[in-house]
Amino acid sequence: RKHFSQVKGGRLALASYPAPVATLVVSDVPGDDPAQVASGPTIPDSVSIKEALSFIEAYRIKIPSKIKEYFEKEDTKSPTYDDPRFSNNDIKLIASSKISLKAAAKKAQEFGLNSYILSDSIEGRASDVGSMHAALAKFRNDKDTIFETPAVILSGGETTVEIQDKPGRGGRNTEFLLSFALSIENELNITALAADTDGIDGSENNAGAFCDGFTASKMRQQGFDPRLHLAKHDAWTAFDSVGELFSPGPTGTNVNDFRAILVF
C-alpha cells in the first residue's frame, strides 16, 4: 500500500523538500522500525515495487486492475534511501513498548521490587501467551530460576485472538489474562495486569483487566465458568462479573500491550 500512496513510504518527506523534516515516532510496531510505523510517511520503503508485485503474484492476491497497471508501468518508482532529498530528515523514537517497559521497571525498583523484562515484542495466541507467562510466574524461588522475589515480570508486544462464529466480548488482553488466571488458580502470591496502552482492548470500553489466584474461583461463585468464557472469547464478561476490568479510558497514545506480573 505504500507504493500507491502519495504520503506513505517517504513521500511526505519528498513533498516537504527542501524544508527540513523532524519525525517523532510513537511506535506500536514490534521492533520499532520507523519505516513500518504509520507506513513510514517520511521514510522510504526497503521493498521495491518489483518485489511487491512478485509477492502479490506468489500469493495470488487479487488487486484492482488499475493498481496492477500502475505497478507495471516502467516509470513507476518508489523513493529510495539514497535519494538526497532525505538528507534533511531527522528521525527520533520518542515512545515505544521498550521505553514504557523500562520506565515501569524503574518505578518498580523504586518500590523495592526486582524487575525483569521478558521482551517488548511477544506475539502469538493470547491464550497461549497467557499460560506461558503463568508458568514463568509460578517458577519462582527455585535454585534454577532467574526470578528473585519480590519481583515484577514485565512484557509487551501484541498477541492475537482467533475469532470464531458468534464470539463474545473482550480483546486480546482480557483473553490473555483469563488464560493466565486459570493457570495460576489457588496461587497465593501472584497478581497481574494486562492492558492495551491506548486504553481500549479490542472494541470494548476497558483497557484490560487485573487478576490473582482467586479470580477464576470468584467467577465460578458468580455463576460464570472461566474456561467456557475463554473458549467463547468472552473474557470481558467473565472479568466484569467480578469487578476486575481495568478501564482508564482512552490514553491518546499506543505502544502495544503492557503486562505486569507481581510475584511475592
C-alpha atoms as a PDB file:
ATOM      1  CA  ARG A   1       0.000   0.000   0.000  1.00  0.00           C
ATOM      2  CA  LYS A   2       2.984   2.310   0.443  1.00  0.00           C
ATOM      3  CA  HIS A   3       3.737   2.136  -3.266  1.00  0.00           C
ATOM      4  CA  PHE A   4       0.491   3.714  -4.441  1.00  0.00           C
ATOM      5  CA  SER A   5       0.144   6.313  -1.689  1.00  0.00           C
ATOM      6  CA  GLN A   6       1.050   9.974  -2.111  1.00  0.00           C
ATOM      7  CA  VAL A   7       2.078  10.144   1.563  1.00  0.00           C
ATOM      8  CA  LYS A   8       3.392   6.767   2.725  1.00  0.00           C
ATOM      9  CA  GLY A   9       6.787   5.242   2.078  1.00  0.00           C
ATOM     10  CA  GLY A  10       8.685   8.528   2.380  1.00  0.00           C
ATOM     11  CA  ARG A  11       6.562  10.595   0.010  1.00  0.00           C
ATOM     12  CA  LEU A  12       5.557  13.108   2.691  1.00  0.00           C
ATOM     13  CA  ALA A  13       9.227  13.943   3.235  1.00  0.00           C
ATOM     14  CA  LEU A  14       9.771  14.360  -0.501  1.00  0.00           C
ATOM     15  CA  ALA A  15       6.753  16.666  -0.718  1.00  0.00           C
ATOM     16  CA  SER A  16       8.274  18.760   2.089  1.00  0.00           C
ATOM     17  CA  TYR A  17      11.689  19.096   0.425  1.00  0.00           C
ATOM     18  CA  PRO A  18      13.784  21.273   0.675  1.00  0.00           C
ATOM     19  CA  ALA A  19      12.389  22.089   4.128  1.00  0.00           C
ATOM     20  CA  PRO A  20      13.957  20.034   6.939  1.00  0.00           C
ATOM     21  CA  VAL A  21      11.692  17.336   8.379  1.00  0.00           C
ATOM     22  CA  ALA A  22      11.638  16.175  12.009  1.00  0.00           C
ATOM     23  CA  THR A  23       9.927  12.828  12.525  1.00  0.00           C
ATOM     24  CA  LEU A  24       8.863  11.998  16.098  1.00  0.00           C
ATOM     25  CA  VAL A  25       7.959   8.318  16.187  1.00  0.00           C
ATOM     26  CA  VAL A  26       5.474   6.746  18.614  1.00  0.00           C
ATOM     27  CA  SER A  27       5.898   3.070  17.785  1.00  0.00           C
ATOM     28  CA  ASP A  28       3.201   0.410  18.030  1.00  0.00           C
ATOM     29  CA  VAL A  29       5.230  -1.945  15.840  1.00  0.00           C
ATOM     30  CA  PRO A  30       7.299  -4.794  17.332  1.00  0.00           C
ATOM     31  CA  GLY A  31      10.944  -3.993  16.642  1.00  0.00           C
ATOM     32  CA  ASP A  32      10.300  -0.232  16.358  1.00  0.00           C
ATOM     33  CA  ASP A  33      11.287   0.065  12.688  1.00  0.00           C
ATOM     34  CA  PRO A  34      10.321   3.690  11.823  1.00  0.00           C
ATOM     35  CA  ALA A  35       9.636   2.664   8.223  1.00  0.00           C
ATOM     36  CA  GLN A  36       6.806   0.409   9.441  1.00  0.00           C
ATOM     37  CA  VAL A  37       5.157   2.833  11.879  1.00  0.00           C
ATOM     38  CA  ALA A  38       2.166   4.505  10.167  1.00  0.00           C
ATOM     39  CA  SER A  39       3.591   3.173   6.876  1.00  0.00           C
ATOM     40  CA  GLY A  40       6.630   5.464   7.158  1.00  0.00           C
ATOM     41  CA  PRO A  41       5.396   8.767   5.667  1.00  0.00           C
ATOM     42  CA  THR A  42       8.881  10.288   5.916  1.00  0.00           C
ATOM     43  CA  ILE A  43      10.943   7.115   5.479  1.00  0.00           C
ATOM     44  CA  PRO A  44      11.422   5.175   2.223  1.00  0.00           C
ATOM     45  CA  ASP A  45      10.348   1.553   1.998  1.00  0.00           C
ATOM     46  CA  SER A  46      13.043  -1.091   1.649  1.00  0.00           C
ATOM     47  CA  VAL A  47      10.749  -3.201  -0.563  1.00  0.00           C
ATOM     48  CA  SER A  48      10.755  -2.209  -4.234  1.00  0.00           C
ATOM     49  CA  ILE A  49       7.687  -2.122  -6.470  1.00  0.00           C
ATOM     50  CA  LYS A  50       9.064  -5.119  -8.370  1.00  0.00           C
ATOM     51  CA  GLU A  51       9.359  -7.089  -5.134  1.00  0.00           C
ATOM     52  CA  ALA A  52       5.868  -6.041  -4.035  1.00  0.00           C
ATOM     53  CA  LEU A  53       4.445  -7.219  -7.354  1.00  0.00           C
ATOM     54  CA  SER A  54       6.247 -10.560  -7.030  1.00  0.00           C
ATOM     55  CA  PHE A  55       4.686 -11.058  -3.558  1.00  0.00           C
ATOM     56  CA  ILE A  56       1.243 -10.332  -4.985  1.00  0.00           C
ATOM     57  CA  GLU A  57       1.748 -12.868  -7.761  1.00  0.00           C
ATOM     58  CA  ALA A  58       3.331 -15.502  -5.498  1.00  0.00           C
ATOM     59  CA  TYR A  59       0.440 -15.422  -3.034  1.00  0.00           C
ATOM     60  CA  ARG A  60      -2.181 -14.946  -5.774  1.00  0.00           C
ATOM     61  CA  ILE A  61      -3.546 -11.829  -4.125  1.00  0.00           C
ATOM     62  CA  LYS A  62      -6.388 -10.220  -6.037  1.00  0.00           C
ATOM     63  CA  ILE A  63      -5.939  -6.477  -6.511  1.00  0.00           C
ATOM     64  CA  PRO A  64      -7.826  -3.925  -8.640  1.00  0.00           C
ATOM     65  CA  SER A  65      -6.654  -3.853 -12.252  1.00  0.00           C
ATOM     66  CA  LYS A  66      -5.835  -0.131 -12.020  1.00  0.00           C
ATOM     67  CA  ILE A  67      -3.348  -0.777  -9.197  1.00  0.00           C
ATOM     68  CA  LYS A  68      -1.716  -3.643 -11.086  1.00  0.00           C
ATOM     69  CA  GLU A  69      -1.396  -1.457 -14.183  1.00  0.00           C
ATOM     70  CA  TYR A  70       0.201   1.255 -12.046  1.00  0.00           C
ATOM     71  CA  PHE A  71       2.701  -1.221 -10.592  1.00  0.00           C
ATOM     72  CA  GLU A  72       3.634  -2.496 -14.056  1.00  0.00           C
ATOM     73  CA  LYS A  73       4.367   0.921 -15.577  1.00  0.00           C
ATOM     74  CA  GLU A  74       8.050   1.327 -16.364  1.00  0.00           C
ATOM     75  CA  ASP A  75       8.149   4.879 -14.975  1.00  0.00           C
ATOM     76  CA  THR A  76       6.559   3.922 -11.631  1.00  0.00           C
ATOM     77  CA  LYS A  77       9.191   4.270  -8.914  1.00  0.00           C
ATOM     78  CA  SER A  78       9.192   4.499  -5.145  1.00  0.00           C
ATOM     79  CA  PRO A  79      11.519   6.651  -3.006  1.00  0.00           C
ATOM     80  CA  THR A  80      14.809   5.015  -2.050  1.00  0.00           C
ATOM     81  CA  TYR A  81      17.218   5.568   0.825  1.00  0.00           C
ATOM     82  CA  ASP A  82      19.906   7.040  -1.436  1.00  0.00           C
ATOM     83  CA  ASP A  83      17.625   9.893  -2.548  1.00  0.00           C
ATOM     84  CA  PRO A  84      19.396  13.125  -1.422  1.00  0.00           C
ATOM     85  CA  ARG A  85      16.038  14.685  -0.557  1.00  0.00           C
ATOM     86  CA  PHE A  86      16.014  12.579   2.616  1.00  0.00           C
ATOM     87  CA  SER A  87      19.229  14.204   3.868  1.00  0.00           C
ATOM     88  CA  ASN A  88      17.290  16.763   5.950  1.00  0.00           C
ATOM     89  CA  ASN A  89      15.167  14.108   7.672  1.00  0.00           C
ATOM     90  CA  ASP A  90      15.742  13.801  11.442  1.00  0.00           C
ATOM     91  CA  ILE A  91      14.087  10.727  12.989  1.00  0.00           C
ATOM     92  CA  LYS A  92      13.600  10.304  16.748  1.00  0.00           C
ATOM     93  CA  LEU A  93      11.855   7.457  18.554  1.00  0.00           C
ATOM     94  CA  ILE A  94      10.049   9.129  21.465  1.00  0.00           C
ATOM     95  CA  ALA A  95       7.716   6.352  22.675  1.00  0.00           C
ATOM     96  CA  SER A  96       7.634   2.582  22.288  1.00  0.00           C
ATOM     97  CA  SER A  97       6.863  -0.606  24.145  1.00  0.00           C
ATOM     98  CA  LYS A  98      10.509  -0.929  25.156  1.00  0.00           C
ATOM     99  CA  ILE A  99      10.580   2.604  26.567  1.00  0.00           C
ATOM    100  CA  SER A 100       7.366   2.017  28.541  1.00  0.00           C
ATOM    101  CA  LEU A 101       8.637  -1.273  29.970  1.00  0.00           C
ATOM    102  CA  LYS A 102      11.919   0.294  31.059  1.00  0.00           C
ATOM    103  CA  ALA A 103      10.010   3.107  32.785  1.00  0.00           C
ATOM    104  CA  ALA A 104       7.792   0.575  34.573  1.00  0.00           C
ATOM    105  CA  ALA A 105      10.821  -1.452  35.643  1.00  0.00           C
ATOM    106  CA  LYS A 106      12.489   1.650  37.063  1.00  0.00           C
ATOM    107  CA  LYS A 107       9.351   2.608  39.009  1.00  0.00           C
ATOM    108  CA  ALA A 108       9.023  -0.922  40.401  1.00  0.00           C
ATOM    109  CA  GLN A 109      12.631  -0.832  41.591  1.00  0.00           C
ATOM    110  CA  GLU A 110      11.859   2.364  43.487  1.00  0.00           C
ATOM    111  CA  PHE A 111       9.305   0.316  45.452  1.00  0.00           C
ATOM    112  CA  GLY A 112      11.890  -2.342  46.276  1.00  0.00           C
ATOM    113  CA  LEU A 113      10.860  -4.877  43.643  1.00  0.00           C
ATOM    114  CA  ASN A 114      13.206  -6.855  41.437  1.00  0.00           C
ATOM    115  CA  SER A 115      12.268  -6.044  37.839  1.00  0.00           C
ATOM    116  CA  TYR A 116      12.518  -8.372  34.858  1.00  0.00           C
ATOM    117  CA  ILE A 117      11.602  -7.527  31.256  1.00  0.00           C
ATOM    118  CA  LEU A 118      10.873 -10.642  29.205  1.00  0.00           C
ATOM    119  CA  SER A 119      10.535  -8.883  25.843  1.00  0.00           C
ATOM    120  CA  ASP A 120       8.909  -5.861  24.241  1.00  0.00           C
ATOM    121  CA  SER A 121       7.673  -7.813  21.218  1.00  0.00           C
ATOM    122  CA  ILE A 122       5.975 -11.027  22.357  1.00  0.00           C
ATOM    123  CA  GLU A 123       3.455 -12.289  19.819  1.00  0.00           C
ATOM    124  CA  GLY A 124       1.258 -15.369  19.466  1.00  0.00           C
ATOM    125  CA  ARG A 125      -2.187 -16.544  20.517  1.00  0.00           C
ATOM    126  CA  ALA A 126      -3.308 -14.591  23.568  1.00  0.00           C
ATOM    127  CA  SER A 127      -4.374 -17.688  25.496  1.00  0.00           C
ATOM    128  CA  ASP A 128      -1.078 -19.477  24.797  1.00  0.00           C
ATOM    129  CA  VAL A 129       0.988 -16.451  25.786  1.00  0.00           C
ATOM    130  CA  GLY A 130      -1.091 -16.145  28.960  1.00  0.00           C
ATOM    131  CA  SER A 131      -0.420 -19.710  30.078  1.00  0.00           C
ATOM    132  CA  MET A 132       3.282 -19.300  29.238  1.00  0.00           C
ATOM    133  CA  HIS A 133       3.536 -16.192  31.421  1.00  0.00           C
ATOM    134  CA  ALA A 134       1.771 -18.054  34.224  1.00  0.00           C
ATOM    135  CA  ALA A 135       4.291 -20.894  34.043  1.00  0.00           C
ATOM    136  CA  LEU A 136       7.126 -18.390  34.389  1.00  0.00           C
ATOM    137  CA  ALA A 137       5.444 -16.672  37.330  1.00  0.00           C
ATOM    138  CA  LYS A 138       4.954 -19.980  39.174  1.00  0.00           C
ATOM    139  CA  PHE A 139       8.591 -20.972  38.626  1.00  0.00           C
ATOM    140  CA  ARG A 140       9.935 -18.766  41.411  1.00  0.00           C
ATOM    141  CA  ASN A 141      12.469 -19.006  44.214  1.00  0.00           C
ATOM    142  CA  ASP A 142      13.810 -22.190  42.685  1.00  0.00           C
ATOM    143  CA  LYS A 143      17.573 -22.517  42.587  1.00  0.00           C
ATOM    144  CA  ASP A 144      17.435 -22.663  38.790  1.00  0.00           C
ATOM    145  CA  THR A 145      15.127 -19.692  38.183  1.00  0.00           C
ATOM    146  CA  ILE A 146      16.275 -16.206  37.252  1.00  0.00           C
ATOM    147  CA  PHE A 147      13.421 -14.530  39.129  1.00  0.00           C
ATOM    148  CA  GLU A 148      14.171 -13.441  42.674  1.00  0.00           C
ATOM    149  CA  THR A 149      11.092 -12.367  44.626  1.00  0.00           C
ATOM    150  CA  PRO A 150       9.552  -9.961  45.337  1.00  0.00           C
ATOM    151  CA  ALA A 151       9.524  -9.331  41.619  1.00  0.00           C
ATOM    152  CA  VAL A 152       7.588  -7.739  38.817  1.00  0.00           C
ATOM    153  CA  ILE A 153       7.780  -9.516  35.463  1.00  0.00           C
ATOM    154  CA  LEU A 154       7.077  -7.212  32.514  1.00  0.00           C
ATOM    155  CA  SER A 155       6.397  -7.827  28.847  1.00  0.00           C
ATOM    156  CA  GLY A 156       4.994  -6.104  25.783  1.00  0.00           C
ATOM    157  CA  GLY A 157       4.111  -6.865  22.196  1.00  0.00           C
ATOM    158  CA  GLU A 158       0.828  -7.743  20.547  1.00  0.00           C
ATOM    159  CA  THR A 159      -0.961 -11.067  20.803  1.00  0.00           C
ATOM    160  CA  THR A 160      -3.793 -12.307  18.610  1.00  0.00           C
ATOM    161  CA  VAL A 161      -7.208 -13.890  19.097  1.00  0.00           C
ATOM    162  CA  GLU A 162      -8.584 -16.365  16.562  1.00  0.00           C
ATOM    163  CA  ILE A 163     -12.195 -15.244  16.279  1.00  0.00           C
ATOM    164  CA  GLN A 164     -14.828 -17.929  15.702  1.00  0.00           C
ATOM    165  CA  ASP A 165     -18.525 -17.720  14.886  1.00  0.00           C
ATOM    166  CA  LYS A 166     -20.505 -15.579  17.333  1.00  0.00           C
ATOM    167  CA  PRO A 167     -17.595 -14.518  19.576  1.00  0.00           C
ATOM    168  CA  GLY A 168     -18.271 -12.951  22.953  1.00  0.00           C
ATOM    169  CA  ARG A 169     -16.951  -9.671  24.325  1.00  0.00           C
ATOM    170  CA  GLY A 170     -13.338  -8.848  25.049  1.00  0.00           C
ATOM    171  CA  GLY A 171      -9.988  -8.188  23.430  1.00  0.00           C
ATOM    172  CA  ARG A 172      -6.608  -9.859  23.415  1.00  0.00           C
ATOM    173  CA  ASN A 173      -5.548  -8.554  26.839  1.00  0.00           C
ATOM    174  CA  THR A 174      -8.574  -9.869  28.717  1.00  0.00           C
ATOM    175  CA  GLU A 175      -8.206 -13.168  26.851  1.00  0.00           C
ATOM    176  CA  PHE A 176      -4.517 -13.310  27.803  1.00  0.00           C
ATOM    177  CA  LEU A 177      -5.378 -12.627  31.435  1.00  0.00           C
ATOM    178  CA  LEU A 178      -8.255 -15.109  31.643  1.00  0.00           C
ATOM    179  CA  SER A 179      -5.908 -17.846  30.441  1.00  0.00           C
ATOM    180  CA  PHE A 180      -3.329 -16.581  32.942  1.00  0.00           C
ATOM    181  CA  ALA A 181      -5.898 -16.566  35.781  1.00  0.00           C
ATOM    182  CA  LEU A 182      -6.872 -20.178  35.107  1.00  0.00           C
ATOM    183  CA  SER A 183      -3.212 -21.208  35.098  1.00  0.00           C
ATOM    184  CA  ILE A 184      -2.433 -19.566  38.470  1.00  0.00           C
ATOM    185  CA  GLU A 185      -5.628 -20.662  40.225  1.00  0.00           C
ATOM    186  CA  ASN A 186      -5.096 -21.052  44.001  1.00  0.00           C
ATOM    187  CA  GLU A 187      -1.630 -19.476  43.844  1.00  0.00           C
ATOM    188  CA  LEU A 188      -1.386 -17.129  46.829  1.00  0.00           C
ATOM    189  CA  ASN A 189       1.450 -14.866  45.759  1.00  0.00           C
ATOM    190  CA  ILE A 190       0.776 -13.867  42.148  1.00  0.00           C
ATOM    191  CA  THR A 191      -1.267 -10.972  40.766  1.00  0.00           C
ATOM    192  CA  ALA A 192      -1.233  -9.449  37.299  1.00  0.00           C
ATOM    193  CA  LEU A 193      -2.372  -6.684  34.975  1.00  0.00           C
ATOM    194  CA  ALA A 194      -2.658  -6.862  31.193  1.00  0.00           C
ATOM    195  CA  ALA A 195      -3.799  -3.845  29.196  1.00  0.00           C
ATOM    196  CA  ASP A 196      -3.679  -2.159  25.823  1.00  0.00           C
ATOM    197  CA  THR A 197      -1.758   1.094  26.189  1.00  0.00           C
ATOM    198  CA  ASP A 198      -4.278   3.006  24.076  1.00  0.00           C
ATOM    199  CA  GLY A 199      -6.900   2.348  26.755  1.00  0.00           C
ATOM    200  CA  ILE A 200      -9.157   0.197  24.568  1.00  0.00           C
ATOM    201  CA  ASP A 201      -8.876  -3.594  24.472  1.00  0.00           C
ATOM    202  CA  GLY A 202     -10.407  -4.688  21.204  1.00  0.00           C
ATOM    203  CA  SER A 203     -13.747  -2.950  20.773  1.00  0.00           C
ATOM    204  CA  GLU A 204     -14.758  -2.745  24.428  1.00  0.00           C
ATOM    205  CA  ASN A 205     -14.596   0.126  26.915  1.00  0.00           C
ATOM    206  CA  ASN A 206     -11.774  -1.329  29.005  1.00  0.00           C
ATOM    207  CA  ALA A 207      -8.017  -1.407  28.503  1.00  0.00           C
ATOM    208  CA  GLY A 208      -7.634  -4.827  30.078  1.00  0.00           C
ATOM    209  CA  ALA A 209      -8.060  -6.430  33.483  1.00  0.00           C
ATOM    210  CA  PHE A 210      -6.490  -7.474  36.780  1.00  0.00           C
ATOM    211  CA  CYS A 211      -6.337 -10.970  38.247  1.00  0.00           C
ATOM    212  CA  ASP A 212      -4.887 -13.069  41.057  1.00  0.00           C
ATOM    213  CA  GLY A 213      -5.013 -16.681  42.189  1.00  0.00           C
ATOM    214  CA  PHE A 214      -8.628 -16.359  43.301  1.00  0.00           C
ATOM    215  CA  THR A 215     -10.078 -14.688  40.193  1.00  0.00           C
ATOM    216  CA  ALA A 216     -11.181 -17.920  38.499  1.00  0.00           C
ATOM    217  CA  SER A 217     -12.925 -19.248  41.615  1.00  0.00           C
ATOM    218  CA  LYS A 218     -14.678 -15.899  42.155  1.00  0.00           C
ATOM    219  CA  MET A 219     -16.021 -16.101  38.599  1.00  0.00           C
ATOM    220  CA  ARG A 220     -17.492 -19.528  39.329  1.00  0.00           C
ATOM    221  CA  GLN A 221     -19.085 -18.183  42.501  1.00  0.00           C
ATOM    222  CA  GLN A 222     -20.826 -15.579  40.329  1.00  0.00           C
ATOM    223  CA  GLY A 223     -22.120 -18.301  38.024  1.00  0.00           C
ATOM    224  CA  PHE A 224     -19.566 -17.871  35.222  1.00  0.00           C
ATOM    225  CA  ASP A 225     -17.355 -20.724  34.008  1.00  0.00           C
ATOM    226  CA  PRO A 226     -13.978 -19.114  33.135  1.00  0.00           C
ATOM    227  CA  ARG A 227     -12.941 -21.968  30.830  1.00  0.00           C
ATOM    228  CA  LEU A 228     -16.165 -21.718  28.891  1.00  0.00           C
ATOM    229  CA  HIS A 229     -15.799 -17.955  28.555  1.00  0.00           C
ATOM    230  CA  LEU A 230     -12.196 -18.381  27.393  1.00  0.00           C
ATOM    231  CA  ALA A 231     -13.325 -20.865  24.746  1.00  0.00           C
ATOM    232  CA  LYS A 232     -16.049 -18.445  23.595  1.00  0.00           C
ATOM    233  CA  HIS A 233     -13.619 -15.481  23.511  1.00  0.00           C
ATOM    234  CA  ASP A 234     -15.837 -13.812  26.090  1.00  0.00           C
ATOM    235  CA  ALA A 235     -13.262 -12.766  28.689  1.00  0.00           C
ATOM    236  CA  TRP A 236     -14.807  -9.307  29.175  1.00  0.00           C
ATOM    237  CA  THR A 237     -18.000 -10.822  30.585  1.00  0.00           C
ATOM    238  CA  ALA A 238     -16.054 -13.062  32.964  1.00  0.00           C
ATOM    239  CA  PHE A 239     -13.929 -10.227  34.367  1.00  0.00           C
ATOM    240  CA  ASP A 240     -16.889  -7.874  34.549  1.00  0.00           C
ATOM    241  CA  SER A 241     -18.686 -10.392  36.767  1.00  0.00           C
ATOM    242  CA  VAL A 242     -16.012 -10.000  39.465  1.00  0.00           C
ATOM    243  CA  GLY A 243     -15.288  -6.293  39.003  1.00  0.00           C
ATOM    244  CA  GLU A 244     -11.720  -6.787  37.775  1.00  0.00           C
ATOM    245  CA  LEU A 245     -11.824  -4.907  34.477  1.00  0.00           C
ATOM    246  CA  PHE A 246      -9.273  -2.096  34.076  1.00  0.00           C
ATOM    247  CA  SER A 247     -10.974   0.909  32.464  1.00  0.00           C
ATOM    248  CA  PRO A 248      -8.848   4.093  32.459  1.00  0.00           C
ATOM    249  CA  GLY A 249     -10.380   5.407  29.230  1.00  0.00           C
ATOM    250  CA  PRO A 250      -8.538   6.311  26.007  1.00  0.00           C
ATOM    251  CA  THR A 251      -4.934   7.349  26.682  1.00  0.00           C
ATOM    252  CA  GLY A 252      -4.238   9.159  23.418  1.00  0.00           C
ATOM    253  CA  THR A 253      -1.235   7.001  22.567  1.00  0.00           C
ATOM    254  CA  ASN A 254      -0.448   3.414  21.637  1.00  0.00           C
ATOM    255  CA  VAL A 255       2.717   1.417  22.244  1.00  0.00           C
ATOM    256  CA  ASN A 256       1.063  -2.010  22.085  1.00  0.00           C
ATOM    257  CA  ASP A 257       0.188  -4.170  25.065  1.00  0.00           C
ATOM    258  CA  PHE A 258       1.547  -3.870  28.605  1.00  0.00           C
ATOM    259  CA  ARG A 259       1.725  -6.800  31.004  1.00  0.00           C
ATOM    260  CA  ALA A 260       2.905  -6.691  34.617  1.00  0.00           C
ATOM    261  CA  ILE A 261       3.006  -9.739  36.893  1.00  0.00           C
ATOM    262  CA  LEU A 262       3.721  -9.226  40.591  1.00  0.00           C
ATOM    263  CA  VAL A 263       5.246 -12.248  42.322  1.00  0.00           C
ATOM    264  CA  PHE A 264       5.967 -12.092  46.052  1.00  0.00           C
END
